[in-house]
Structures are given as C-alpha cells and as structure tokens.
C-alpha cells in the first residue's frame, strides 16, 4: 500500500502534506486546516487555497522513506511518482 491518499480521505487537521492541485496547477506543499489544503505562505508567495486536490501524502512519511547519504544528509526531491512506490 502506497503512502499516497486519495480524496475523500483527508489528512489530520494541521498536517503538512504534499498535494496535487489538478491538471492546470502545480503540486505543492500544503497545510490542511479548516477543511482546506492551504499552499504557499512563503515569501514572496501568499497563502492560497488549493481547489483541485485529488491526492495527497504526509511529507514526514515521505521523508521517513528516504535513506540518508553516506554523510547522513537527506537531500531529495518530492514527487508523486516516488511516493506511489513508497509503502506505509
């Protein structure tokens, strides 16, 4: 089973997730609050509501599946393609 969740399943309130945002918009980090996926919020981008989310995953779960390099660092890109291959 993959770490990726699909709506109508929703994350916990206040969770930091990575969510798709439909075909016309980029996937982004979001905070789930008050029933909405809220992206942005880092200068210079204001917060915005992601209106076309169909799938998401917890970012801490994703990072927990990444092995550190030989110096102990975890440097990685985030993608649904990789997340689909990660198990819970």
N, C-alpha and C. Protein backbone atom coordinates (compact mmCIF):
# COMPACT_ATOMS: atom_id res chain seq x y z
N UNK A 1 0.85 -1.18 0.00
CA UNK A 1 0.00 0.00 0.00
C UNK A 1 0.89 1.24 0.00
N UNK A 2 0.60 2.18 -0.84
CA UNK A 2 1.37 3.41 -1.03
C UNK A 2 1.07 4.44 0.06
N UNK A 3 1.99 5.39 0.25
CA UNK A 3 1.74 6.48 1.20
C UNK A 3 0.78 7.52 0.64
N UNK A 4 0.46 7.42 -0.65
CA UNK A 4 -0.43 8.39 -1.30
C UNK A 4 -1.89 8.09 -0.92
N UNK A 5 -2.59 9.13 -0.52
CA UNK A 5 -4.01 9.03 -0.17
C UNK A 5 -4.82 9.76 -1.25
N UNK A 6 -6.04 9.31 -1.46
CA UNK A 6 -6.93 9.93 -2.44
C UNK A 6 -8.19 10.41 -1.74
N UNK A 7 -8.71 11.57 -2.20
CA UNK A 7 -9.98 12.05 -1.65
C UNK A 7 -11.05 11.03 -1.95
N UNK A 8 -11.99 10.81 -1.07
CA UNK A 8 -12.43 11.67 0.02
C UNK A 8 -11.65 11.50 1.32
N UNK A 9 -10.62 10.63 1.38
CA UNK A 9 -9.81 10.52 2.58
C UNK A 9 -9.05 11.83 2.79
N UNK A 10 -9.11 12.35 4.01
CA UNK A 10 -8.50 13.65 4.32
C UNK A 10 -7.42 13.50 5.38
N UNK A 11 -6.43 14.40 5.36
CA UNK A 11 -5.38 14.37 6.39
C UNK A 11 -5.89 14.90 7.72
N UNK A 12 -5.06 14.73 8.75
CA UNK A 12 -5.38 15.26 10.06
C UNK A 12 -5.30 16.79 10.02
N UNK A 13 -6.10 17.45 10.84
CA UNK A 13 -6.09 18.91 10.93
C UNK A 13 -4.68 19.38 11.29
N UNK A 14 -4.17 20.36 10.55
CA UNK A 14 -2.86 20.94 10.81
C UNK A 14 -1.70 20.17 10.20
N UNK A 15 -1.99 19.08 9.51
CA UNK A 15 -0.92 18.26 8.92
C UNK A 15 -0.25 18.97 7.75
N UNK A 16 1.06 18.74 7.62
CA UNK A 16 1.81 19.24 6.47
C UNK A 16 1.84 18.12 5.44
N UNK A 17 1.33 18.40 4.26
CA UNK A 17 1.20 17.38 3.21
C UNK A 17 1.76 17.92 1.90
N UNK A 18 1.86 17.04 0.94
CA UNK A 18 2.15 17.41 -0.44
C UNK A 18 0.91 17.03 -1.21
N UNK A 19 0.33 17.97 -1.94
CA UNK A 19 -0.94 17.73 -2.62
C UNK A 19 -0.87 18.12 -4.08
N UNK A 20 -1.57 17.35 -4.91
CA UNK A 20 -1.70 17.75 -6.31
C UNK A 20 -2.71 18.90 -6.33
N UNK A 21 -2.83 19.58 -7.42
CA UNK A 21 -3.80 20.67 -7.49
C UNK A 21 -4.40 20.72 -8.89
N UNK A 22 -4.77 19.56 -9.40
CA UNK A 22 -5.39 19.48 -10.72
C UNK A 22 -4.38 19.51 -11.84
N UNK A 23 -4.87 19.46 -13.06
CA UNK A 23 -4.00 19.42 -14.24
C UNK A 23 -3.41 20.77 -14.61
N UNK A 24 -4.06 21.85 -14.21
CA UNK A 24 -3.60 23.18 -14.62
C UNK A 24 -2.65 23.84 -13.63
N UNK A 25 -2.53 23.28 -12.43
CA UNK A 25 -1.73 23.89 -11.38
C UNK A 25 -0.69 22.89 -10.87
N UNK A 26 0.38 23.43 -10.29
CA UNK A 26 1.46 22.59 -9.77
C UNK A 26 1.08 21.98 -8.43
N UNK A 27 1.60 20.78 -8.20
CA UNK A 27 1.51 20.19 -6.87
C UNK A 27 2.36 21.05 -5.94
N UNK A 28 2.03 21.06 -4.64
CA UNK A 28 2.74 21.93 -3.71
C UNK A 28 2.61 21.39 -2.29
N UNK A 29 3.49 21.89 -1.43
CA UNK A 29 3.37 21.62 0.00
C UNK A 29 2.15 22.39 0.48
N UNK A 30 1.41 21.78 1.37
CA UNK A 30 0.20 22.44 1.89
C UNK A 30 0.01 22.08 3.35
N UNK A 31 -0.72 22.91 4.03
CA UNK A 31 -1.16 22.62 5.39
C UNK A 31 -2.66 22.41 5.31
N UNK A 32 -3.14 21.33 5.92
CA UNK A 32 -4.57 21.06 5.90
C UNK A 32 -5.19 21.72 7.12
N UNK A 33 -6.00 22.74 6.90
CA UNK A 33 -6.66 23.40 8.03
C UNK A 33 -8.05 23.89 7.64
N UNK A 34 -8.95 23.72 8.58
CA UNK A 34 -10.34 24.15 8.40
C UNK A 34 -10.97 23.56 7.13
N UNK A 35 -10.62 22.32 6.80
CA UNK A 35 -11.22 21.64 5.66
C UNK A 35 -10.64 22.03 4.31
N UNK A 36 -9.50 22.74 4.31
CA UNK A 36 -8.87 23.18 3.06
C UNK A 36 -7.39 22.83 3.03
N UNK A 37 -6.90 22.63 1.83
CA UNK A 37 -5.47 22.48 1.61
C UNK A 37 -4.94 23.88 1.31
N UNK A 38 -4.10 24.42 2.19
CA UNK A 38 -3.58 25.78 2.05
C UNK A 38 -2.12 25.71 1.62
N UNK A 39 -1.84 26.18 0.42
CA UNK A 39 -0.48 26.20 -0.11
C UNK A 39 0.13 27.57 0.02
N UNK A 40 1.39 27.68 -0.39
CA UNK A 40 2.09 28.96 -0.36
C UNK A 40 2.40 29.42 1.04
N UNK A 41 2.43 30.73 1.22
CA UNK A 41 2.69 31.30 2.53
C UNK A 41 4.16 31.60 2.79
N UNK A 42 5.03 31.22 1.87
CA UNK A 42 6.45 31.54 1.99
C UNK A 42 6.74 32.72 1.08
N UNK A 43 7.45 33.72 1.59
CA UNK A 43 7.76 34.91 0.80
C UNK A 43 8.40 34.50 -0.51
N UNK A 44 7.99 35.02 -1.62
CA UNK A 44 7.04 36.11 -1.82
C UNK A 44 5.63 35.63 -2.16
N UNK A 45 5.32 34.37 -1.92
CA UNK A 45 4.02 33.82 -2.33
C UNK A 45 3.03 33.84 -1.17
N UNK A 46 1.88 34.50 -1.34
CA UNK A 46 0.87 34.49 -0.28
C UNK A 46 0.19 33.13 -0.19
N UNK A 47 -0.48 32.88 0.93
CA UNK A 47 -1.25 31.65 1.08
C UNK A 47 -2.36 31.60 0.04
N UNK A 48 -2.70 30.41 -0.39
CA UNK A 48 -3.82 30.23 -1.32
C UNK A 48 -4.47 28.89 -1.04
N UNK A 49 -5.75 28.78 -1.37
CA UNK A 49 -6.48 27.53 -1.20
C UNK A 49 -6.34 26.70 -2.46
N UNK A 50 -5.91 25.47 -2.28
CA UNK A 50 -5.77 24.54 -3.42
C UNK A 50 -7.16 23.94 -3.66
N UNK A 51 -7.76 24.28 -4.78
CA UNK A 51 -9.16 23.93 -5.04
C UNK A 51 -9.37 22.64 -5.82
N UNK A 52 -8.30 22.06 -6.37
CA UNK A 52 -8.48 20.91 -7.26
C UNK A 52 -7.73 19.67 -6.79
N UNK A 53 -7.54 19.53 -5.49
CA UNK A 53 -6.79 18.40 -4.93
C UNK A 53 -7.57 17.11 -5.11
N UNK A 54 -6.87 16.08 -5.57
CA UNK A 54 -7.47 14.74 -5.67
C UNK A 54 -6.64 13.69 -4.93
N UNK A 55 -5.34 14.01 -4.70
CA UNK A 55 -4.48 13.09 -3.97
C UNK A 55 -3.45 13.87 -3.18
N UNK A 56 -2.92 13.24 -2.11
CA UNK A 56 -2.00 13.90 -1.20
C UNK A 56 -1.24 12.84 -0.42
N UNK A 57 -0.15 13.26 0.25
CA UNK A 57 0.55 12.39 1.20
C UNK A 57 1.22 13.26 2.26
N UNK A 58 1.47 12.64 3.42
CA UNK A 58 2.15 13.32 4.51
C UNK A 58 3.62 13.49 4.16
N UNK A 59 4.15 14.71 4.27
CA UNK A 59 5.56 14.94 3.94
C UNK A 59 6.51 14.24 4.90
N UNK A 60 6.15 14.12 6.18
CA UNK A 60 7.04 13.43 7.11
C UNK A 60 7.14 11.94 6.80
N UNK A 61 6.06 11.36 6.30
CA UNK A 61 6.08 9.95 5.90
C UNK A 61 6.99 9.76 4.68
N UNK A 62 6.94 10.71 3.76
CA UNK A 62 7.78 10.67 2.57
C UNK A 62 9.25 10.75 2.98
N UNK A 63 9.58 11.74 3.81
CA UNK A 63 10.96 11.91 4.27
C UNK A 63 11.47 10.72 5.05
N UNK A 64 10.57 10.05 5.78
CA UNK A 64 10.96 8.86 6.54
C UNK A 64 11.32 7.69 5.65
N UNK A 65 10.91 7.72 4.40
CA UNK A 65 11.23 6.65 3.45
C UNK A 65 12.51 6.93 2.65
N UNK A 66 13.14 8.07 2.89
CA UNK A 66 14.36 8.43 2.18
C UNK A 66 15.56 8.03 3.03
N UNK A 67 16.49 7.32 2.44
CA UNK A 67 17.71 6.92 3.13
C UNK A 67 18.72 8.06 3.07
N UNK A 68 19.39 8.35 4.19
CA UNK A 68 20.42 9.39 4.16
C UNK A 68 21.63 8.94 3.33
N UNK A 69 22.37 9.91 2.81
CA UNK A 69 23.58 9.58 2.06
C UNK A 69 24.69 9.19 3.04
N UNK A 70 25.88 8.93 2.52
CA UNK A 70 26.98 8.46 3.35
C UNK A 70 27.39 9.45 4.44
N UNK A 71 27.08 10.74 4.27
CA UNK A 71 27.40 11.72 5.30
C UNK A 71 26.23 11.97 6.25
N UNK A 72 25.15 11.22 6.07
CA UNK A 72 23.99 11.33 6.96
C UNK A 72 22.97 12.37 6.56
N UNK A 73 23.16 13.00 5.40
CA UNK A 73 22.23 14.03 4.93
C UNK A 73 21.08 13.42 4.13
N UNK A 74 19.93 14.06 4.27
CA UNK A 74 18.77 13.68 3.47
C UNK A 74 18.44 14.86 2.57
N UNK A 75 18.82 14.77 1.34
CA UNK A 75 18.53 15.80 0.35
C UNK A 75 17.77 15.11 -0.78
N UNK A 76 16.57 15.55 -1.07
CA UNK A 76 15.75 14.83 -2.04
C UNK A 76 14.70 15.74 -2.68
N UNK A 77 14.20 15.31 -3.81
CA UNK A 77 13.08 15.98 -4.45
C UNK A 77 11.81 15.24 -4.06
N UNK A 78 10.69 15.93 -4.14
CA UNK A 78 9.42 15.35 -3.76
C UNK A 78 8.58 15.17 -5.02
N UNK A 79 8.00 13.97 -5.20
CA UNK A 79 7.14 13.72 -6.35
C UNK A 79 6.13 12.63 -6.04
N UNK A 80 5.02 12.71 -6.72
CA UNK A 80 4.01 11.65 -6.58
C UNK A 80 4.52 10.34 -7.18
N UNK A 81 5.33 10.42 -8.22
CA UNK A 81 5.88 9.22 -8.84
C UNK A 81 6.67 8.41 -7.81
N UNK A 82 7.54 9.07 -7.03
CA UNK A 82 8.29 8.38 -5.99
C UNK A 82 7.38 7.94 -4.85
N UNK A 83 6.45 8.80 -4.46
CA UNK A 83 5.56 8.49 -3.33
C UNK A 83 4.71 7.27 -3.61
N UNK A 84 4.28 7.08 -4.86
CA UNK A 84 3.45 5.91 -5.21
C UNK A 84 4.20 4.60 -4.96
N UNK A 85 5.53 4.65 -5.00
CA UNK A 85 6.35 3.45 -4.80
C UNK A 85 6.71 3.22 -3.34
N UNK A 86 6.42 4.17 -2.47
CA UNK A 86 6.73 4.07 -1.05
C UNK A 86 5.58 3.41 -0.31
N UNK A 87 5.92 2.53 0.60
CA UNK A 87 4.86 1.87 1.36
C UNK A 87 4.75 2.45 2.76
N UNK A 88 3.54 2.33 3.31
CA UNK A 88 3.26 2.87 4.65
C UNK A 88 3.97 2.06 5.71
